[in-house]
């Protein structure tokens, strides 16, 4: 009922009558194509998850999976370490895929 705009005659504009207050109370942000309850719940979930991951690790109540998730989250936020180590991690991944010829130190010899 709180989403309805009962000041509008439903015979003239049923959509405004049925959804008018919801539209007024949930403006579409400039960076989003739409707004819905699912999008709002998704944003709330992201905020809650971020807060949980940024809480200090508690060895008593947090299990191993939670500990790993919190550690991984902290590593992802450490931009200095990422900038210093990205190339080694990149090279390891490329090597695990079998390499990439243009990135090796081989000289080019045409057939």
N, C-alpha and C. Protein backbone atom coordinates (compact mmCIF):
# COMPACT_ATOMS: atom_id res chain seq x y z
N UNK A 1 0.82 -1.20 0.00
CA UNK A 1 0.00 0.00 0.00
C UNK A 1 0.86 1.26 0.00
N UNK A 2 2.05 1.17 0.63
CA UNK A 2 2.90 2.37 0.70
C UNK A 2 3.46 2.74 -0.67
N UNK A 3 3.44 1.81 -1.61
CA UNK A 3 3.94 2.10 -2.96
C UNK A 3 2.90 2.80 -3.83
N UNK A 4 1.66 2.77 -3.39
CA UNK A 4 0.57 3.35 -4.19
C UNK A 4 0.47 4.86 -3.99
N UNK A 5 0.05 5.53 -5.03
CA UNK A 5 -0.24 6.96 -4.97
C UNK A 5 -1.76 7.11 -5.07
N UNK A 6 -2.42 7.13 -3.92
CA UNK A 6 -3.88 7.16 -3.89
C UNK A 6 -4.46 8.52 -4.24
N UNK A 7 -3.59 9.51 -4.43
CA UNK A 7 -4.07 10.83 -4.84
C UNK A 7 -4.39 10.88 -6.33
N UNK A 8 -3.97 9.87 -7.08
CA UNK A 8 -4.21 9.82 -8.52
C UNK A 8 -5.43 8.94 -8.78
N UNK A 9 -6.25 9.35 -9.72
CA UNK A 9 -7.42 8.57 -10.12
C UNK A 9 -6.95 7.37 -10.94
N UNK A 10 -7.24 6.13 -10.48
CA UNK A 10 -6.77 4.95 -11.21
C UNK A 10 -7.36 4.85 -12.62
N UNK A 11 -8.48 5.51 -12.87
CA UNK A 11 -9.07 5.48 -14.21
C UNK A 11 -8.28 6.37 -15.18
N UNK A 12 -7.57 7.37 -14.66
CA UNK A 12 -6.79 8.27 -15.50
C UNK A 12 -5.36 7.78 -15.71
N UNK A 13 -4.74 7.24 -14.65
CA UNK A 13 -3.35 6.78 -14.74
C UNK A 13 -3.14 5.66 -13.74
N UNK A 14 -3.48 4.44 -14.17
CA UNK A 14 -3.41 3.31 -13.24
C UNK A 14 -1.98 3.03 -12.78
N UNK A 15 -1.01 3.17 -13.66
CA UNK A 15 0.38 2.91 -13.29
C UNK A 15 0.83 3.86 -12.18
N UNK A 16 0.54 5.13 -12.33
CA UNK A 16 0.89 6.11 -11.29
C UNK A 16 0.15 5.80 -10.00
N UNK A 17 -1.10 5.39 -10.11
CA UNK A 17 -1.90 5.02 -8.93
C UNK A 17 -1.26 3.83 -8.21
N UNK A 18 -0.89 2.81 -8.97
CA UNK A 18 -0.38 1.57 -8.38
C UNK A 18 1.07 1.68 -7.90
N UNK A 19 1.90 2.48 -8.59
CA UNK A 19 3.35 2.48 -8.31
C UNK A 19 3.92 3.86 -8.02
N UNK A 20 3.11 4.89 -8.03
CA UNK A 20 3.61 6.26 -7.96
C UNK A 20 4.51 6.57 -6.78
N UNK A 21 4.15 6.14 -5.58
CA UNK A 21 4.99 6.44 -4.41
C UNK A 21 6.29 5.64 -4.44
N UNK A 22 6.26 4.41 -4.97
CA UNK A 22 7.50 3.64 -5.06
C UNK A 22 8.48 4.34 -5.99
N UNK A 23 7.98 4.84 -7.11
CA UNK A 23 8.84 5.54 -8.07
C UNK A 23 9.43 6.80 -7.44
N UNK A 24 8.62 7.55 -6.69
CA UNK A 24 9.11 8.77 -6.03
C UNK A 24 10.17 8.45 -4.98
N UNK A 25 9.99 7.34 -4.28
CA UNK A 25 10.91 6.99 -3.19
C UNK A 25 12.14 6.21 -3.63
N UNK A 26 12.18 5.80 -4.90
CA UNK A 26 13.31 5.02 -5.42
C UNK A 26 13.77 5.59 -6.76
N UNK A 27 14.37 6.79 -6.75
CA UNK A 27 14.83 7.36 -8.03
C UNK A 27 15.94 6.51 -8.63
N UNK A 28 16.01 6.51 -9.95
CA UNK A 28 17.05 5.75 -10.65
C UNK A 28 18.35 6.54 -10.60
N UNK A 29 19.42 5.96 -10.04
CA UNK A 29 20.72 6.66 -10.00
C UNK A 29 21.26 6.88 -11.42
N UNK A 30 22.10 7.89 -11.56
CA UNK A 30 22.69 8.20 -12.86
C UNK A 30 23.52 7.05 -13.43
N UNK A 31 24.08 6.21 -12.55
CA UNK A 31 24.96 5.13 -13.02
C UNK A 31 24.25 3.79 -13.17
N UNK A 32 22.90 3.79 -13.14
CA UNK A 32 22.15 2.55 -13.24
C UNK A 32 21.05 2.68 -14.29
N UNK A 33 20.78 1.59 -15.02
CA UNK A 33 19.71 1.65 -16.03
C UNK A 33 18.32 1.54 -15.43
N UNK A 34 18.24 0.97 -14.20
CA UNK A 34 16.94 0.79 -13.57
C UNK A 34 17.12 0.58 -12.08
N UNK A 35 15.99 0.51 -11.38
CA UNK A 35 15.99 0.23 -9.94
C UNK A 35 14.91 -0.81 -9.70
N UNK A 36 15.22 -1.80 -8.88
CA UNK A 36 14.23 -2.80 -8.51
C UNK A 36 14.53 -3.28 -7.10
N UNK A 37 13.59 -3.99 -6.52
CA UNK A 37 13.82 -4.55 -5.19
C UNK A 37 14.99 -5.52 -5.20
N UNK A 38 15.15 -6.28 -6.29
CA UNK A 38 16.26 -7.23 -6.38
C UNK A 38 17.60 -6.50 -6.43
N UNK A 39 17.67 -5.39 -7.17
CA UNK A 39 18.91 -4.61 -7.22
C UNK A 39 19.21 -4.01 -5.85
N UNK A 40 18.18 -3.53 -5.17
CA UNK A 40 18.38 -2.97 -3.83
C UNK A 40 18.88 -4.04 -2.87
N UNK A 41 18.29 -5.23 -2.94
CA UNK A 41 18.75 -6.33 -2.09
C UNK A 41 20.19 -6.73 -2.42
N UNK A 42 20.52 -6.73 -3.71
CA UNK A 42 21.88 -7.05 -4.12
C UNK A 42 22.90 -6.05 -3.57
N UNK A 43 22.55 -4.78 -3.61
CA UNK A 43 23.44 -3.75 -3.07
C UNK A 43 23.59 -3.90 -1.55
N UNK A 44 22.48 -4.19 -0.88
CA UNK A 44 22.54 -4.40 0.57
C UNK A 44 23.42 -5.60 0.90
N UNK A 45 23.31 -6.66 0.09
CA UNK A 45 24.13 -7.85 0.30
C UNK A 45 25.61 -7.55 0.11
N UNK A 46 25.95 -6.76 -0.91
CA UNK A 46 27.35 -6.40 -1.13
C UNK A 46 27.92 -5.63 0.05
N UNK A 47 27.14 -4.70 0.60
CA UNK A 47 27.60 -3.92 1.75
C UNK A 47 27.80 -4.84 2.96
N UNK A 48 26.84 -5.73 3.21
CA UNK A 48 26.95 -6.64 4.35
C UNK A 48 28.15 -7.58 4.20
N UNK A 49 28.36 -8.09 2.99
CA UNK A 49 29.50 -8.98 2.75
C UNK A 49 30.82 -8.25 2.94
N UNK A 50 30.90 -7.03 2.45
CA UNK A 50 32.12 -6.22 2.63
C UNK A 50 32.41 -6.02 4.11
N UNK A 51 31.38 -5.70 4.89
CA UNK A 51 31.57 -5.51 6.32
C UNK A 51 32.05 -6.78 6.99
N UNK A 52 31.47 -7.93 6.62
CA UNK A 52 31.90 -9.20 7.20
C UNK A 52 33.35 -9.53 6.86
N UNK A 53 33.73 -9.29 5.60
CA UNK A 53 35.09 -9.61 5.18
C UNK A 53 36.13 -8.69 5.81
N UNK A 54 35.71 -7.49 6.18
CA UNK A 54 36.65 -6.55 6.76
C UNK A 54 36.72 -6.61 8.28
N UNK A 55 35.87 -7.45 8.90
CA UNK A 55 35.97 -7.66 10.34
C UNK A 55 37.26 -8.42 10.64
N UNK A 56 37.82 -8.16 11.79
CA UNK A 56 39.04 -8.87 12.20
C UNK A 56 38.74 -10.37 12.34
N UNK A 57 39.70 -11.20 11.93
CA UNK A 57 39.54 -12.65 12.02
C UNK A 57 39.41 -13.07 13.47
N UNK A 58 38.42 -13.94 13.74
CA UNK A 58 38.18 -14.46 15.07
C UNK A 58 38.37 -15.97 15.02
N UNK A 59 39.46 -16.46 15.59
CA UNK A 59 39.79 -17.88 15.51
C UNK A 59 38.74 -18.76 16.18
N UNK A 60 37.99 -18.20 17.12
CA UNK A 60 37.00 -19.00 17.83
C UNK A 60 35.73 -19.19 16.99
N UNK A 61 35.23 -18.10 16.41
CA UNK A 61 33.95 -18.19 15.70
C UNK A 61 34.07 -18.36 14.19
N UNK A 62 35.18 -17.95 13.60
CA UNK A 62 35.34 -18.05 12.15
C UNK A 62 35.97 -19.39 11.79
N UNK A 63 35.43 -20.07 10.82
CA UNK A 63 36.01 -21.32 10.34
C UNK A 63 37.14 -21.06 9.37
N UNK A 64 37.71 -22.13 8.86
CA UNK A 64 38.84 -22.03 7.94
C UNK A 64 38.44 -21.31 6.65
N UNK A 65 37.25 -21.60 6.13
CA UNK A 65 36.80 -20.96 4.89
C UNK A 65 36.64 -19.46 5.07
N UNK A 66 36.10 -19.04 6.22
CA UNK A 66 35.93 -17.61 6.49
C UNK A 66 37.29 -16.95 6.62
N UNK A 67 38.21 -17.63 7.29
CA UNK A 67 39.57 -17.10 7.44
C UNK A 67 40.21 -16.89 6.06
N UNK A 68 40.08 -17.88 5.18
CA UNK A 68 40.66 -17.77 3.84
C UNK A 68 40.01 -16.64 3.05
N UNK A 69 38.69 -16.50 3.18
CA UNK A 69 37.99 -15.44 2.46
C UNK A 69 38.45 -14.07 2.93
N UNK A 70 38.62 -13.90 4.23
CA UNK A 70 39.07 -12.62 4.78
C UNK A 70 40.51 -12.32 4.35
N UNK A 71 41.36 -13.34 4.35
CA UNK A 71 42.75 -13.15 3.92
C UNK A 71 42.81 -12.78 2.44
N UNK A 72 42.04 -13.48 1.62
CA UNK A 72 42.03 -13.20 0.19
C UNK A 72 41.51 -11.78 -0.07
N UNK A 73 40.48 -11.39 0.65
CA UNK A 73 39.93 -10.03 0.50
C UNK A 73 41.00 -8.99 0.84
N UNK A 74 41.72 -9.21 1.92
CA UNK A 74 42.77 -8.27 2.31
C UNK A 74 43.88 -8.21 1.25
N UNK A 75 44.23 -9.34 0.68
CA UNK A 75 45.26 -9.36 -0.36
C UNK A 75 44.80 -8.59 -1.60
N UNK A 76 43.52 -8.69 -1.90
CA UNK A 76 42.99 -7.97 -3.07
C UNK A 76 42.98 -6.46 -2.84
N UNK A 77 42.92 -6.04 -1.61
CA UNK A 77 42.91 -4.61 -1.29
C UNK A 77 44.31 -4.01 -1.20
N UNK A 78 45.33 -4.85 -1.13
CA UNK A 78 46.70 -4.39 -0.96
C UNK A 78 47.28 -3.99 -2.33
N UNK A 79 46.99 -2.78 -2.76
CA UNK A 79 47.41 -2.32 -4.09
C UNK A 79 48.93 -2.27 -4.24
N UNK A 80 49.63 -1.94 -3.18
CA UNK A 80 51.09 -1.88 -3.25
C UNK A 80 51.66 -3.25 -3.59
N UNK A 81 51.20 -4.28 -2.89
CA UNK A 81 51.69 -5.63 -3.16
C UNK A 81 51.30 -6.08 -4.56
N UNK A 82 50.10 -5.72 -4.98
CA UNK A 82 49.66 -6.10 -6.32
C UNK A 82 50.55 -5.47 -7.38
N UNK A 83 50.85 -4.19 -7.22
CA UNK A 83 51.70 -3.50 -8.19
C UNK A 83 53.11 -4.08 -8.23
N UNK A 84 53.60 -4.56 -7.09
CA UNK A 84 54.95 -5.11 -7.03
C UNK A 84 55.04 -6.55 -7.53
N UNK A 85 53.93 -7.29 -7.50
CA UNK A 85 54.00 -8.73 -7.80
C UNK A 85 53.16 -9.16 -8.99
N UNK A 86 52.47 -8.25 -9.65
CA UNK A 86 51.53 -8.66 -10.70
C UNK A 86 52.22 -9.40 -11.84
N UNK A 87 53.41 -8.97 -12.21
CA UNK A 87 54.06 -9.57 -13.37
C UNK A 87 54.43 -11.03 -13.11
N UNK A 88 54.90 -11.32 -11.92
CA UNK A 88 55.23 -12.71 -11.59
C UNK A 88 53.98 -13.59 -11.61
N UNK A 89 52.90 -13.09 -11.05
CA UNK A 89 51.64 -13.85 -11.05
C UNK A 89 51.14 -14.03 -12.48
N UNK A 90 51.24 -12.98 -13.29
CA UNK A 90 50.82 -13.04 -14.69
C UNK A 90 51.64 -14.09 -15.43
N UNK A 91 52.96 -14.05 -15.26
CA UNK A 91 53.84 -15.02 -15.93
C UNK A 91 53.52 -16.46 -15.50
N UNK A 92 53.23 -16.66 -14.22
CA UNK A 92 52.88 -17.99 -13.73
C UNK A 92 51.61 -18.52 -14.39
N UNK A 93 50.61 -17.65 -14.52
CA UNK A 93 49.36 -18.07 -15.15
C UNK A 93 49.59 -18.39 -16.62
N UNK A 94 50.31 -17.53 -17.31
CA UNK A 94 50.59 -17.77 -18.73
C UNK A 94 51.36 -19.09 -18.90
N UNK A 95 52.33 -19.34 -18.03
CA UNK A 95 53.10 -20.60 -18.10
C UNK A 95 52.19 -21.80 -17.86
N UNK A 96 51.24 -21.67 -16.93
CA UNK A 96 50.35 -22.79 -16.64
C UNK A 96 49.44 -23.11 -17.82
N UNK A 97 49.24 -22.13 -18.71
CA UNK A 97 48.45 -22.35 -19.92
C UNK A 97 49.30 -22.82 -21.10
N UNK A 98 50.58 -23.01 -20.86
CA UNK A 98 51.45 -23.48 -21.92
C UNK A 98 52.32 -22.41 -22.54
N UNK A 99 52.27 -21.21 -22.00
CA UNK A 99 53.13 -20.13 -22.48
C UNK A 99 52.49 -19.30 -23.57
N UNK A 100 53.18 -18.23 -23.89
CA UNK A 100 52.74 -17.30 -24.93
C UNK A 100 54.02 -16.84 -25.62
N UNK A 101 54.22 -17.33 -26.82
CA UNK A 101 55.48 -17.14 -27.53
C UNK A 101 55.96 -15.71 -27.61
N UNK A 102 55.09 -14.75 -27.78
CA UNK A 102 55.53 -13.37 -27.92
C UNK A 102 56.03 -12.77 -26.61
N UNK A 103 55.84 -13.46 -25.49
CA UNK A 103 56.30 -12.95 -24.21
C UNK A 103 57.62 -13.56 -23.76
N UNK A 104 58.12 -14.54 -24.50
CA UNK A 104 59.38 -15.17 -24.11
C UNK A 104 60.54 -14.40 -24.74
N UNK A 105 61.73 -14.71 -24.29
CA UNK A 105 62.93 -14.01 -24.75
C UNK A 105 63.56 -14.68 -25.97
N UNK A 106 62.77 -15.39 -26.75
CA UNK A 106 63.31 -16.05 -27.94
C UNK A 106 63.42 -15.01 -29.06
N UNK A 107 64.41 -15.16 -29.88
CA UNK A 107 64.54 -14.28 -31.05
C UNK A 107 63.69 -14.84 -32.17
N UNK A 108 63.23 -13.98 -33.02
CA UNK A 108 62.35 -14.36 -34.11
C UNK A 108 63.16 -14.90 -35.26
N UNK A 109 62.80 -16.09 -35.74
CA UNK A 109 63.46 -16.67 -36.92
C UNK A 109 62.36 -17.08 -37.89
N UNK A 110 62.31 -16.40 -39.05
CA UNK A 110 61.28 -16.77 -40.03
C UNK A 110 61.54 -18.14 -40.62
N UNK A 111 60.48 -18.81 -41.02
CA UNK A 111 60.60 -20.15 -41.63
C UNK A 111 61.18 -20.09 -43.00
